Amino acid sequence: MRGAVKQQDCIGVATERSPFNAGNHTIDLVPLKLPSMTTALTTTLGVDDWKIWQVAQRLSRRTIEERVRVIRTLHAETGIQPANIAAIDIVEWMADHEEWSDATAATYTSYLSAWFKWLQIVDRRVDNPMVKVGTPRVPDREPRPVSDADVVKLLQTRMWTSTRRMILIALLAGLRVHEIAQIRGEDVDFGTRLLWVKGKGKRLKSVPMHPLLVEMASEMPGAGWWFPMRGQESEHVLSKSVSDVIGRTMRRAGVRGTPHALRHWYASTMLENGVDIRVVQELLRHKSLATTQIYTKVPDGQRHAAIAGLDPWRAVRPVSGPGFKAAS
């Protein structure tokens, strides 16, 4: 209001002094609205705009939500706005999380890099502190597929029909949990016996259906979600729910590993059966053959046989048969 003068009242609350009231010769004190300190401390500046930008880039909702979660966690745990944070603060924050695996640290570093790159693109920051932080080496992963015996144990365990269907899809189509959650009746082509899957990067690929899956698909809805959210039929179940349901069933069956280990079994079993690795790459829907090699595993029997064949005394042992000779 015109002519208003700010002052502090007796309890320290900012107020505005109203103009002199000629009618009653009093002064009215009106509380002045100031930004909430709590809101200022808890709101992570810029993330909502970043989220909109990522949606416009057609990134998956799952990727966007995970990126935003990490940036907000950085803010909450350091007390520093991520848009202004320094490299040393990032390094100290990451060092405080010794419980993170190398793979997790590498993933979170990639999220931070994406955040600061966006800040530079929209002219909200000149420098990129991740240049000083560096990029951790992504560790080589050894696949840990469930064993054939564990697959039998798992399938013999009592479970809900919907859970059994999820497990069979993971074992016989190699789908990831978020892909299982989003299957629709329209994705099945009974004529060609193909299941159309929207995977990472929203790439649409087809997967040939195992006879057991064709039979199962005939019992599922021909339209709409195969696994709708309880109470909200228009929405599919969350990928975390699929992971939790399968994971609990695996633990109850005494099967070690994660739901993703079922996808490892899918790849490793095909390789053991003599399927060409290029075909396995296509069925896993990988861009790179190197990624497929992570999922494949040399059979333990072959590895043990290779070790058992080592003989430190081979130089002095007699020739055991045609084609063999002692090393000189």
C-alpha atoms as a PDB file:
ATOM      1  CA  MET A   1       0.000   0.000   0.000  1.00  0.00           C
ATOM      2  CA  ARG A   2       1.165   3.560  -0.650  1.00  0.00           C
ATOM      3  CA  GLY A   3       3.042   5.176   2.194  1.00  0.00           C
ATOM      4  CA  ALA A   4       3.438   1.959   4.141  1.00  0.00           C
ATOM      5  CA  VAL A   5       6.477   1.795   6.430  1.00  0.00           C
ATOM      6  CA  LYS A   6       8.032  -1.508   7.574  1.00  0.00           C
ATOM      7  CA  GLN A   7       8.753  -1.928  11.257  1.00  0.00           C
ATOM      8  CA  GLN A   8       9.342  -4.691  13.766  1.00  0.00           C
ATOM      9  CA  ASP A   9       6.574  -5.278  16.284  1.00  0.00           C
ATOM     10  CA  CYS A  10       7.182  -6.281  19.862  1.00  0.00           C
ATOM     11  CA  ILE A  11       7.665  -9.957  19.074  1.00  0.00           C
ATOM     12  CA  GLY A  12       9.948  -9.409  16.116  1.00  0.00           C
ATOM     13  CA  VAL A  13       7.387 -10.076  13.328  1.00  0.00           C
ATOM     14  CA  ALA A  14       7.772  -7.866  10.294  1.00  0.00           C
ATOM     15  CA  THR A  15       4.710  -5.645   9.797  1.00  0.00           C
ATOM     16  CA  GLU A  16       3.510  -2.756   7.672  1.00  0.00           C
ATOM     17  CA  ARG A  17       2.405   0.533   9.220  1.00  0.00           C
ATOM     18  CA  SER A  18      -0.839   1.721   7.643  1.00  0.00           C
ATOM     19  CA  PRO A  19      -1.320   5.422   6.878  1.00  0.00           C
ATOM     20  CA  PHE A  20      -2.759   7.572   9.644  1.00  0.00           C
ATOM     21  CA  ASN A  21      -6.460   6.833  10.145  1.00  0.00           C
ATOM     22  CA  ALA A  22      -8.078  10.227  10.509  1.00  0.00           C
ATOM     23  CA  GLY A  23     -11.283   8.681  11.764  1.00  0.00           C
ATOM     24  CA  ASN A  24     -10.009   7.178  14.978  1.00  0.00           C
ATOM     25  CA  HIS A  25      -6.436   8.482  15.103  1.00  0.00           C
ATOM     26  CA  THR A  26      -5.046   4.914  15.385  1.00  0.00           C
ATOM     27  CA  ILE A  27      -2.316   3.079  13.581  1.00  0.00           C
ATOM     28  CA  ASP A  28      -3.150  -0.350  12.093  1.00  0.00           C
ATOM     29  CA  LEU A  29      -0.354  -2.942  12.072  1.00  0.00           C
ATOM     30  CA  VAL A  30      -0.786  -5.566   9.300  1.00  0.00           C
ATOM     31  CA  PRO A  31       1.427  -8.710   9.312  1.00  0.00           C
ATOM     32  CA  LEU A  32       3.844  -8.675   6.378  1.00  0.00           C
ATOM     33  CA  LYS A  33       4.047 -11.942   4.410  1.00  0.00           C
ATOM     34  CA  LEU A  34       7.639 -13.097   4.090  1.00  0.00           C
ATOM     35  CA  PRO A  35       8.963 -16.215   2.304  1.00  0.00           C
ATOM     36  CA  SER A  36       8.958 -19.203   4.587  1.00  0.00           C
ATOM     37  CA  MET A  37      12.471 -20.151   5.674  1.00  0.00           C
ATOM     38  CA  THR A  38      11.422 -23.819   5.734  1.00  0.00           C
ATOM     39  CA  THR A  39      10.217 -23.611   2.139  1.00  0.00           C
ATOM     40  CA  ALA A  40      13.407 -21.876   1.041  1.00  0.00           C
ATOM     41  CA  LEU A  41      15.541 -24.552   2.646  1.00  0.00           C
ATOM     42  CA  THR A  42      13.626 -27.577   1.340  1.00  0.00           C
ATOM     43  CA  THR A  43      12.805 -26.467  -2.221  1.00  0.00           C
ATOM     44  CA  THR A  44      15.452 -27.579  -4.696  1.00  0.00           C
ATOM     45  CA  LEU A  45      15.669 -24.730  -7.168  1.00  0.00           C
ATOM     46  CA  GLY A  46      15.600 -25.611 -10.847  1.00  0.00           C
ATOM     47  CA  VAL A  47      14.602 -29.276 -10.650  1.00  0.00           C
ATOM     48  CA  ASP A  48      11.015 -28.695 -11.788  1.00  0.00           C
ATOM     49  CA  ASP A  49      12.227 -26.863 -14.898  1.00  0.00           C
ATOM     50  CA  TRP A  50      14.789 -29.617 -15.493  1.00  0.00           C
ATOM     51  CA  LYS A  51      12.044 -32.217 -15.200  1.00  0.00           C
ATOM     52  CA  ILE A  52       9.955 -30.425 -17.841  1.00  0.00           C
ATOM     53  CA  TRP A  53      12.997 -30.182 -20.127  1.00  0.00           C
ATOM     54  CA  GLN A  54      13.649 -33.933 -19.798  1.00  0.00           C
ATOM     55  CA  VAL A  55      10.018 -34.727 -20.577  1.00  0.00           C
ATOM     56  CA  ALA A  56      10.379 -32.607 -23.721  1.00  0.00           C
ATOM     57  CA  GLN A  57      13.459 -34.684 -24.587  1.00  0.00           C
ATOM     58  CA  ARG A  58      11.195 -37.766 -24.326  1.00  0.00           C
ATOM     59  CA  LEU A  59      13.233 -39.437 -21.620  1.00  0.00           C
ATOM     60  CA  SER A  60      11.465 -42.193 -19.731  1.00  0.00           C
ATOM     61  CA  ARG A  61       9.519 -41.284 -16.605  1.00  0.00           C
ATOM     62  CA  ARG A  62      11.566 -43.795 -14.660  1.00  0.00           C
ATOM     63  CA  THR A  63      14.850 -42.112 -15.667  1.00  0.00           C
ATOM     64  CA  ILE A  64      13.541 -38.615 -14.933  1.00  0.00           C
ATOM     65  CA  GLU A  65      12.197 -39.517 -11.501  1.00  0.00           C
ATOM     66  CA  GLU A  66      15.436 -41.238 -10.496  1.00  0.00           C
ATOM     67  CA  ARG A  67      17.576 -38.309 -11.668  1.00  0.00           C
ATOM     68  CA  VAL A  68      15.423 -35.785  -9.815  1.00  0.00           C
ATOM     69  CA  ARG A  69      15.469 -37.937  -6.680  1.00  0.00           C
ATOM     70  CA  VAL A  70      19.277 -37.956  -6.624  1.00  0.00           C
ATOM     71  CA  ILE A  71      19.516 -34.168  -7.098  1.00  0.00           C
ATOM     72  CA  ARG A  72      17.013 -33.563  -4.294  1.00  0.00           C
ATOM     73  CA  THR A  73      18.889 -35.985  -2.057  1.00  0.00           C
ATOM     74  CA  LEU A  74      22.106 -34.069  -2.720  1.00  0.00           C
ATOM     75  CA  HIS A  75      20.356 -30.875  -1.626  1.00  0.00           C
ATOM     76  CA  ALA A  76      18.758 -32.423   1.457  1.00  0.00           C
ATOM     77  CA  GLU A  77      21.964 -34.028   2.708  1.00  0.00           C
ATOM     78  CA  THR A  78      24.367 -31.153   2.018  1.00  0.00           C
ATOM     79  CA  GLY A  79      22.059 -28.216   2.643  1.00  0.00           C
ATOM     80  CA  ILE A  80      23.469 -26.569  -0.492  1.00  0.00           C
ATOM     81  CA  GLN A  81      21.400 -25.713  -3.550  1.00  0.00           C
ATOM     82  CA  PRO A  82      22.605 -28.126  -6.286  1.00  0.00           C
ATOM     83  CA  ALA A  83      22.622 -25.294  -8.818  1.00  0.00           C
ATOM     84  CA  ASN A  84      25.359 -23.562  -6.815  1.00  0.00           C
ATOM     85  CA  ILE A  85      27.236 -26.460  -5.233  1.00  0.00           C
ATOM     86  CA  ALA A  86      31.018 -26.691  -5.578  1.00  0.00           C
ATOM     87  CA  ALA A  87      33.049 -29.681  -6.710  1.00  0.00           C
ATOM     88  CA  ILE A  88      34.537 -30.250  -3.254  1.00  0.00           C
ATOM     89  CA  ASP A  89      31.057 -30.474  -1.717  1.00  0.00           C
ATOM     90  CA  ILE A  90      30.027 -33.073  -4.285  1.00  0.00           C
ATOM     91  CA  VAL A  91      33.147 -35.141  -3.628  1.00  0.00           C
ATOM     92  CA  GLU A  92      32.593 -35.020   0.138  1.00  0.00           C
ATOM     93  CA  TRP A  93      28.922 -35.965  -0.264  1.00  0.00           C
ATOM     94  CA  MET A  94      29.801 -39.005  -2.356  1.00  0.00           C
ATOM     95  CA  ALA A  95      32.617 -39.978   0.019  1.00  0.00           C
ATOM     96  CA  ASP A  96      30.133 -40.006   2.903  1.00  0.00           C
ATOM     97  CA  HIS A  97      28.207 -42.811   1.190  1.00  0.00           C
ATOM     98  CA  GLU A  98      30.594 -45.712   1.604  1.00  0.00           C
ATOM     99  CA  GLU A  99      27.619 -48.072   1.358  1.00  0.00           C
ATOM    100  CA  TRP A 100      27.205 -47.278  -2.345  1.00  0.00           C
ATOM    101  CA  SER A 101      28.567 -49.840  -4.739  1.00  0.00           C
ATOM    102  CA  ASP A 102      30.929 -48.706  -7.516  1.00  0.00           C
ATOM    103  CA  ALA A 103      28.109 -49.148 -10.018  1.00  0.00           C
ATOM    104  CA  THR A 104      25.763 -46.957  -7.955  1.00  0.00           C
ATOM    105  CA  ALA A 105      28.403 -44.239  -7.613  1.00  0.00           C
ATOM    106  CA  ALA A 106      28.993 -44.303 -11.381  1.00  0.00           C
ATOM    107  CA  THR A 107      25.254 -44.057 -12.069  1.00  0.00           C
ATOM    108  CA  TYR A 108      24.758 -41.132  -9.679  1.00  0.00           C
ATOM    109  CA  THR A 109      27.759 -39.369 -11.211  1.00  0.00           C
ATOM    110  CA  SER A 110      26.097 -39.614 -14.620  1.00  0.00           C
ATOM    111  CA  TYR A 111      22.929 -38.047 -13.157  1.00  0.00           C
ATOM    112  CA  LEU A 112      24.938 -35.161 -11.722  1.00  0.00           C
ATOM    113  CA  SER A 113      26.701 -34.656 -15.056  1.00  0.00           C
ATOM    114  CA  ALA A 114      23.328 -34.465 -16.822  1.00  0.00           C
ATOM    115  CA  TRP A 115      22.119 -31.909 -14.263  1.00  0.00           C
ATOM    116  CA  PHE A 116      25.093 -29.558 -14.635  1.00  0.00           C
ATOM    117  CA  LYS A 117      25.099 -29.914 -18.418  1.00  0.00           C
ATOM    118  CA  TRP A 118      21.475 -28.739 -18.425  1.00  0.00           C
ATOM    119  CA  LEU A 119      22.315 -25.797 -16.157  1.00  0.00           C
ATOM    120  CA  GLN A 120      24.944 -24.730 -18.687  1.00  0.00           C
ATOM    121  CA  ILE A 121      22.595 -25.177 -21.652  1.00  0.00           C
ATOM    122  CA  VAL A 122      19.975 -22.883 -20.103  1.00  0.00           C
ATOM    123  CA  ASP A 123      22.623 -20.362 -18.950  1.00  0.00           C
ATOM    124  CA  ARG A 124      22.046 -20.920 -15.257  1.00  0.00           C
ATOM    125  CA  ARG A 125      25.647 -21.860 -14.579  1.00  0.00           C
ATOM    126  CA  VAL A 126      28.906 -21.108 -16.378  1.00  0.00           C
ATOM    127  CA  ASP A 127      31.144 -23.881 -15.036  1.00  0.00           C
ATOM    128  CA  ASN A 128      30.625 -27.619 -14.722  1.00  0.00           C
ATOM    129  CA  PRO A 129      31.982 -28.911 -11.391  1.00  0.00           C
ATOM    130  CA  MET A 130      31.865 -32.499 -12.658  1.00  0.00           C
ATOM    131  CA  VAL A 131      34.969 -31.720 -14.736  1.00  0.00           C
ATOM    132  CA  LYS A 132      36.868 -31.588 -11.443  1.00  0.00           C
ATOM    133  CA  VAL A 133      34.949 -34.465  -9.835  1.00  0.00           C
ATOM    134  CA  GLY A 134      35.725 -36.810 -12.727  1.00  0.00           C
ATOM    135  CA  THR A 135      33.957 -39.972 -13.813  1.00  0.00           C
ATOM    136  CA  PRO A 136      34.473 -43.167 -11.835  1.00  0.00           C
ATOM    137  CA  ARG A 137      35.276 -46.277 -13.799  1.00  0.00           C
ATOM    138  CA  VAL A 138      32.243 -48.467 -14.224  1.00  0.00           C
ATOM    139  CA  PRO A 139      33.235 -51.841 -12.765  1.00  0.00           C
ATOM    140  CA  ASP A 140      33.066 -54.987 -14.835  1.00  0.00           C
ATOM    141  CA  ARG A 141      30.121 -57.050 -13.712  1.00  0.00           C
ATOM    142  CA  GLU A 142      30.064 -60.814 -13.554  1.00  0.00           C
ATOM    143  CA  PRO A 143      26.581 -62.095 -14.318  1.00  0.00           C
ATOM    144  CA  ARG A 144      24.914 -64.172 -11.632  1.00  0.00           C
ATOM    145  CA  PRO A 145      22.067 -66.054 -13.280  1.00  0.00           C
ATOM    146  CA  VAL A 146      19.919 -68.314 -11.174  1.00  0.00           C
ATOM    147  CA  SER A 147      20.804 -71.987 -11.599  1.00  0.00           C
ATOM    148  CA  ASP A 148      18.612 -74.483 -13.421  1.00  0.00           C
ATOM    149  CA  ALA A 149      17.876 -76.168 -10.093  1.00  0.00           C
ATOM    150  CA  ASP A 150      16.791 -72.837  -8.599  1.00  0.00           C
ATOM    151  CA  VAL A 151      14.473 -72.198 -11.543  1.00  0.00           C
ATOM    152  CA  VAL A 152      12.733 -75.494 -10.771  1.00  0.00           C
ATOM    153  CA  LYS A 153      12.558 -74.628  -7.057  1.00  0.00           C
ATOM    154  CA  LEU A 154      11.075 -71.249  -7.913  1.00  0.00           C
ATOM    155  CA  LEU A 155       8.422 -72.628 -10.261  1.00  0.00           C
ATOM    156  CA  GLN A 156       7.432 -75.293  -7.724  1.00  0.00           C
ATOM    157  CA  THR A 157       6.816 -72.682  -5.030  1.00  0.00           C
ATOM    158  CA  ARG A 158       3.230 -71.710  -4.231  1.00  0.00           C
ATOM    159  CA  MET A 159       2.463 -68.214  -5.491  1.00  0.00           C
ATOM    160  CA  TRP A 160      -0.263 -66.051  -6.959  1.00  0.00           C
ATOM    161  CA  THR A 161      -1.064 -66.725 -10.607  1.00  0.00           C
ATOM    162  CA  SER A 162      -0.096 -63.161 -11.550  1.00  0.00           C
ATOM    163  CA  THR A 163       3.313 -63.622  -9.886  1.00  0.00           C
ATOM    164  CA  ARG A 164       3.908 -66.886 -11.766  1.00  0.00           C
ATOM    165  CA  ARG A 165       3.097 -65.119 -15.020  1.00  0.00           C
ATOM    166  CA  MET A 166       5.582 -62.340 -14.267  1.00  0.00           C
ATOM    167  CA  ILE A 167       8.302 -64.899 -13.507  1.00  0.00           C
ATOM    168  CA  LEU A 168       7.629 -66.849 -16.706  1.00  0.00           C
ATOM    169  CA  ILE A 169       7.834 -63.649 -18.759  1.00  0.00           C
ATOM    170  CA  ALA A 170      11.212 -62.852 -17.179  1.00  0.00           C
ATOM    171  CA  LEU A 171      12.510 -66.399 -17.756  1.00  0.00           C
ATOM    172  CA  LEU A 172      11.174 -67.022 -21.248  1.00  0.00           C
ATOM    173  CA  ALA A 173      11.196 -63.525 -22.789  1.00  0.00           C
ATOM    174  CA  GLY A 174      14.007 -61.914 -20.784  1.00  0.00           C
ATOM    175  CA  LEU A 175      11.994 -58.808 -19.961  1.00  0.00           C
ATOM    176  CA  ARG A 176      13.095 -56.297 -17.338  1.00  0.00           C
ATOM    177  CA  VAL A 177      10.737 -55.588 -14.433  1.00  0.00           C
ATOM    178  CA  HIS A 178       9.576 -52.226 -15.813  1.00  0.00           C
ATOM    179  CA  GLU A 179       8.869 -53.873 -19.170  1.00  0.00           C
ATOM    180  CA  ILE A 180       6.806 -56.583 -17.493  1.00  0.00           C
ATOM    181  CA  ALA A 181       4.799 -53.926 -15.662  1.00  0.00           C
ATOM    182  CA  GLN A 182       3.880 -52.189 -18.931  1.00  0.00           C
ATOM    183  CA  ILE A 183       2.720 -55.122 -21.075  1.00  0.00           C
ATOM    184  CA  ARG A 184      -0.639 -54.555 -22.762  1.00  0.00           C
ATOM    185  CA  GLY A 185      -2.877 -56.996 -24.556  1.00  0.00           C
ATOM    186  CA  GLU A 186      -2.318 -54.994 -27.739  1.00  0.00           C
ATOM    187  CA  ASP A 187       1.407 -55.815 -27.577  1.00  0.00           C
ATOM    188  CA  VAL A 188       0.786 -59.474 -28.478  1.00  0.00           C
ATOM    189  CA  ASP A 189       0.671 -60.560 -32.125  1.00  0.00           C
ATOM    190  CA  PHE A 190      -0.698 -64.092 -32.181  1.00  0.00           C
ATOM    191  CA  GLY A 191      -0.289 -64.315 -35.954  1.00  0.00           C
ATOM    192  CA  THR A 192       3.484 -63.944 -35.825  1.00  0.00           C
ATOM    193  CA  ARG A 193       3.786 -65.099 -32.184  1.00  0.00           C
ATOM    194  CA  LEU A 194       5.647 -61.923 -31.283  1.00  0.00           C
ATOM    195  CA  LEU A 195       5.539 -59.757 -28.163  1.00  0.00           C
ATOM    196  CA  TRP A 196       6.251 -56.083 -28.808  1.00  0.00           C
ATOM    197  CA  VAL A 197       8.257 -54.485 -26.010  1.00  0.00           C
ATOM    198  CA  LYS A 198       9.109 -50.847 -25.374  1.00  0.00           C
ATOM    199  CA  GLY A 199      12.492 -51.069 -23.671  1.00  0.00           C
ATOM    200  CA  LYS A 200      15.247 -48.651 -22.700  1.00  0.00           C
ATOM    201  CA  GLY A 201      15.218 -45.397 -24.617  1.00  0.00           C
ATOM    202  CA  LYS A 202      11.601 -46.158 -25.585  1.00  0.00           C
ATOM    203  CA  ARG A 203      12.870 -48.404 -28.374  1.00  0.00           C
ATOM    204  CA  LEU A 204      10.114 -50.698 -29.641  1.00  0.00           C
ATOM    205  CA  LYS A 205      11.369 -54.213 -30.337  1.00  0.00           C
ATOM    206  CA  SER A 206       9.737 -57.591 -30.870  1.00  0.00           C
ATOM    207  CA  VAL A 207      10.516 -60.774 -28.954  1.00  0.00           C
ATOM    208  CA  PRO A 208       9.469 -64.228 -30.228  1.00  0.00           C
ATOM    209  CA  MET A 209       7.069 -65.845 -27.772  1.00  0.00           C
ATOM    210  CA  HIS A 210       7.845 -69.188 -26.152  1.00  0.00           C
ATOM    211  CA  PRO A 211       4.963 -71.712 -26.535  1.00  0.00           C
ATOM    212  CA  LEU A 212       4.238 -71.415 -22.805  1.00  0.00           C
ATOM    213  CA  LEU A 213       3.896 -67.644 -23.182  1.00  0.00           C
ATOM    214  CA  VAL A 214       1.612 -68.007 -26.193  1.00  0.00           C
ATOM    215  CA  GLU A 215      -0.649 -70.239 -24.103  1.00  0.00           C
ATOM    216  CA  MET A 216      -0.499 -67.782 -21.210  1.00  0.00           C
ATOM    217  CA  ALA A 217      -1.250 -64.811 -23.474  1.00  0.00           C
ATOM    218  CA  SER A 218      -4.456 -66.494 -24.646  1.00  0.00           C
ATOM    219  CA  GLU A 219      -5.691 -66.300 -21.044  1.00  0.00           C
ATOM    220  CA  MET A 220      -4.760 -62.625 -20.590  1.00  0.00           C
ATOM    221  CA  PRO A 221      -6.802 -59.521 -21.585  1.00  0.00           C
ATOM    222  CA  GLY A 222      -6.667 -58.776 -25.285  1.00  0.00           C
ATOM    223  CA  ALA A 223      -6.636 -55.059 -24.534  1.00  0.00           C
ATOM    224  CA  GLY A 224      -5.369 -52.969 -21.664  1.00  0.00           C
ATOM    225  CA  TRP A 225      -2.734 -53.658 -19.046  1.00  0.00           C
ATOM    226  CA  TRP A 226      -1.871 -57.249 -18.214  1.00  0.00           C
ATOM    227  CA  PHE A 227      -0.901 -56.184 -14.710  1.00  0.00           C
ATOM    228  CA  PRO A 228      -3.062 -53.188 -13.724  1.00  0.00           C
ATOM    229  CA  MET A 229      -2.603 -51.303 -10.489  1.00  0.00           C
ATOM    230  CA  ARG A 230      -4.970 -52.497  -7.795  1.00  0.00           C
ATOM    231  CA  GLY A 231      -7.894 -50.080  -7.540  1.00  0.00           C
ATOM    232  CA  GLN A 232      -6.751 -48.138 -10.621  1.00  0.00           C
ATOM    233  CA  GLU A 233      -7.387 -50.301 -13.652  1.00  0.00           C
ATOM    234  CA  SER A 234      -6.346 -47.494 -15.999  1.00  0.00           C
ATOM    235  CA  GLU A 235      -2.784 -47.541 -14.633  1.00  0.00           C
ATOM    236  CA  HIS A 236      -0.204 -50.319 -14.815  1.00  0.00           C
ATOM    237  CA  VAL A 237       1.459 -51.721 -11.706  1.00  0.00           C
ATOM    238  CA  LEU A 238       4.696 -50.000 -10.690  1.00  0.00           C
ATOM    239  CA  SER A 239       7.966 -51.618 -11.771  1.00  0.00           C
ATOM    240  CA  LYS A 240       9.092 -51.603  -8.131  1.00  0.00           C
ATOM    241  CA  SER A 241       5.998 -53.618  -7.251  1.00  0.00           C
ATOM    242  CA  VAL A 242       6.920 -56.220  -9.876  1.00  0.00           C
ATOM    243  CA  SER A 243      10.462 -56.360  -8.497  1.00  0.00           C
ATOM    244  CA  ASP A 244       9.217 -56.673  -4.911  1.00  0.00           C
ATOM    245  CA  VAL A 245       6.698 -59.408  -5.717  1.00  0.00           C
ATOM    246  CA  ILE A 246       9.195 -61.532  -7.653  1.00  0.00           C
ATOM    247  CA  GLY A 247      11.950 -60.861  -5.111  1.00  0.00           C
ATOM    248  CA  ARG A 248       9.808 -61.964  -2.170  1.00  0.00           C
ATOM    249  CA  THR A 249       8.813 -65.134  -3.989  1.00  0.00           C
ATOM    250  CA  MET A 250      12.462 -65.920  -4.779  1.00  0.00           C
ATOM    251  CA  ARG A 251      13.445 -65.495  -1.145  1.00  0.00           C
ATOM    252  CA  ARG A 252      10.553 -67.648   0.011  1.00  0.00           C
ATOM    253  CA  ALA A 253      11.685 -70.352  -2.422  1.00  0.00           C
ATOM    254  CA  GLY A 254      15.248 -70.134  -1.100  1.00  0.00           C
ATOM    255  CA  VAL A 255      16.550 -68.821  -4.417  1.00  0.00           C
ATOM    256  CA  ARG A 256      19.401 -66.316  -4.168  1.00  0.00           C
ATOM    257  CA  GLY A 257      19.610 -63.354  -6.484  1.00  0.00           C
ATOM    258  CA  THR A 258      17.458 -60.532  -7.797  1.00  0.00           C
ATOM    259  CA  PRO A 259      14.603 -60.580 -10.320  1.00  0.00           C
ATOM    260  CA  HIS A 260      17.124 -59.406 -12.940  1.00  0.00           C
ATOM    261  CA  ALA A 261      18.974 -62.709 -12.450  1.00  0.00           C
ATOM    262  CA  LEU A 262      16.065 -64.355 -14.291  1.00  0.00           C
ATOM    263  CA  ARG A 263      16.995 -62.296 -17.351  1.00  0.00           C
ATOM    264  CA  HIS A 264      20.598 -63.464 -16.880  1.00  0.00           C
ATOM    265  CA  TRP A 265      19.367 -67.069 -16.910  1.00  0.00           C
ATOM    266  CA  TYR A 266      17.502 -66.355 -20.165  1.00  0.00           C
ATOM    267  CA  ALA A 267      20.708 -65.150 -21.852  1.00  0.00           C
ATOM    268  CA  SER A 268      23.122 -67.667 -20.337  1.00  0.00           C
ATOM    269  CA  THR A 269      20.915 -70.659 -21.080  1.00  0.00           C
ATOM    270  CA  MET A 270      20.604 -69.737 -24.741  1.00  0.00           C
ATOM    271  CA  LEU A 271      24.384 -69.364 -24.999  1.00  0.00           C
ATOM    272  CA  GLU A 272      24.931 -72.766 -23.351  1.00  0.00           C
ATOM    273  CA  ASN A 273      22.464 -74.236 -25.857  1.00  0.00           C
ATOM    274  CA  GLY A 274      24.729 -73.061 -28.672  1.00  0.00           C
ATOM    275  CA  VAL A 275      22.740 -70.003 -29.765  1.00  0.00           C
ATOM    276  CA  ASP A 276      24.949 -67.471 -31.556  1.00  0.00           C
ATOM    277  CA  ILE A 277      25.774 -64.485 -29.356  1.00  0.00           C
ATOM    278  CA  ARG A 278      24.520 -62.092 -32.062  1.00  0.00           C
ATOM    279  CA  VAL A 279      21.119 -63.761 -31.836  1.00  0.00           C
ATOM    280  CA  VAL A 280      21.226 -63.464 -28.040  1.00  0.00           C
ATOM    281  CA  GLN A 281      22.088 -59.761 -28.428  1.00  0.00           C
ATOM    282  CA  GLU A 282      19.035 -59.303 -30.635  1.00  0.00           C
ATOM    283  CA  LEU A 283      16.763 -61.145 -28.201  1.00  0.00           C
ATOM    284  CA  LEU A 284      18.057 -59.110 -25.256  1.00  0.00           C
ATOM    285  CA  ARG A 285      17.509 -55.964 -27.378  1.00  0.00           C
ATOM    286  CA  HIS A 286      20.991 -54.615 -26.724  1.00  0.00           C
ATOM    287  CA  LYS A 287      22.599 -51.957 -28.891  1.00  0.00           C
ATOM    288  CA  SER A 288      26.109 -53.191 -28.155  1.00  0.00           C
ATOM    289  CA  LEU A 289      27.472 -56.715 -28.262  1.00  0.00           C
ATOM    290  CA  ALA A 290      29.724 -55.767 -25.329  1.00  0.00           C
ATOM    291  CA  THR A 291      26.604 -55.250 -23.196  1.00  0.00           C
ATOM    292  CA  THR A 292      25.339 -58.699 -24.131  1.00  0.00           C
ATOM    293  CA  GLN A 293      28.648 -60.273 -23.086  1.00  0.00           C
ATOM    294  CA  ILE A 294      28.047 -58.944 -19.566  1.00  0.00           C
ATOM    295  CA  TYR A 295      24.842 -60.943 -19.366  1.00  0.00           C
ATOM    296  CA  THR A 296      26.327 -64.164 -20.674  1.00  0.00           C
ATOM    297  CA  LYS A 297      28.250 -66.578 -18.524  1.00  0.00           C
ATOM    298  CA  VAL A 298      30.676 -69.357 -19.374  1.00  0.00           C
ATOM    299  CA  PRO A 299      29.177 -72.551 -17.907  1.00  0.00           C
ATOM    300  CA  ASP A 300      30.715 -73.492 -14.564  1.00  0.00           C
ATOM    301  CA  GLY A 301      31.296 -77.029 -15.839  1.00  0.00           C
ATOM    302  CA  GLN A 302      33.554 -75.744 -18.603  1.00  0.00           C
ATOM    303  CA  ARG A 303      35.443 -73.486 -16.199  1.00  0.00           C
ATOM    304  CA  HIS A 304      36.049 -76.305 -13.727  1.00  0.00           C
ATOM    305  CA  ALA A 305      37.154 -78.618 -16.557  1.00  0.00           C
ATOM    306  CA  ALA A 306      39.615 -75.984 -17.767  1.00  0.00           C
ATOM    307  CA  ILE A 307      41.155 -75.683 -14.291  1.00  0.00           C
ATOM    308  CA  ALA A 308      41.231 -79.447 -13.753  1.00  0.00           C
ATOM    309  CA  GLY A 309      43.196 -79.834 -16.984  1.00  0.00           C
ATOM    310  CA  LEU A 310      46.140 -77.821 -15.631  1.00  0.00           C
ATOM    311  CA  ASP A 311      49.083 -80.063 -14.699  1.00  0.00           C
ATOM    312  CA  PRO A 312      52.215 -78.510 -13.180  1.00  0.00           C
ATOM    313  CA  TRP A 313      54.104 -81.824 -13.802  1.00  0.00           C
ATOM    314  CA  ARG A 314      53.145 -82.137 -17.454  1.00  0.00           C
ATOM    315  CA  ALA A 315      56.782 -81.655 -18.575  1.00  0.00           C
ATOM    316  CA  VAL A 316      57.911 -84.900 -16.914  1.00  0.00           C
ATOM    317  CA  ARG A 317      54.811 -87.023 -17.445  1.00  0.00           C
ATOM    318  CA  PRO A 318      54.842 -89.632 -20.224  1.00  0.00           C
ATOM    319  CA  VAL A 319      52.882 -88.988 -23.360  1.00  0.00           C
ATOM    320  CA  SER A 320      49.337 -90.172 -22.665  1.00  0.00           C
ATOM    321  CA  GLY A 321      48.156 -90.652 -26.223  1.00  0.00           C
ATOM    322  CA  PRO A 322      48.422 -89.674 -29.880  1.00  0.00           C
ATOM    323  CA  GLY A 323      48.728 -86.005 -30.474  1.00  0.00           C
ATOM    324  CA  PHE A 324      50.191 -85.326 -26.999  1.00  0.00           C
ATOM    325  CA  LYS A 325      53.794 -84.568 -26.207  1.00  0.00           C
ATOM    326  CA  ALA A 326      55.629 -83.341 -23.176  1.00  0.00           C
ATOM    327  CA  ALA A 327      56.514 -79.676 -23.080  1.00  0.00           C
ATOM    328  CA  SER A 328      60.210 -78.903 -23.430  1.00  0.00           C
END
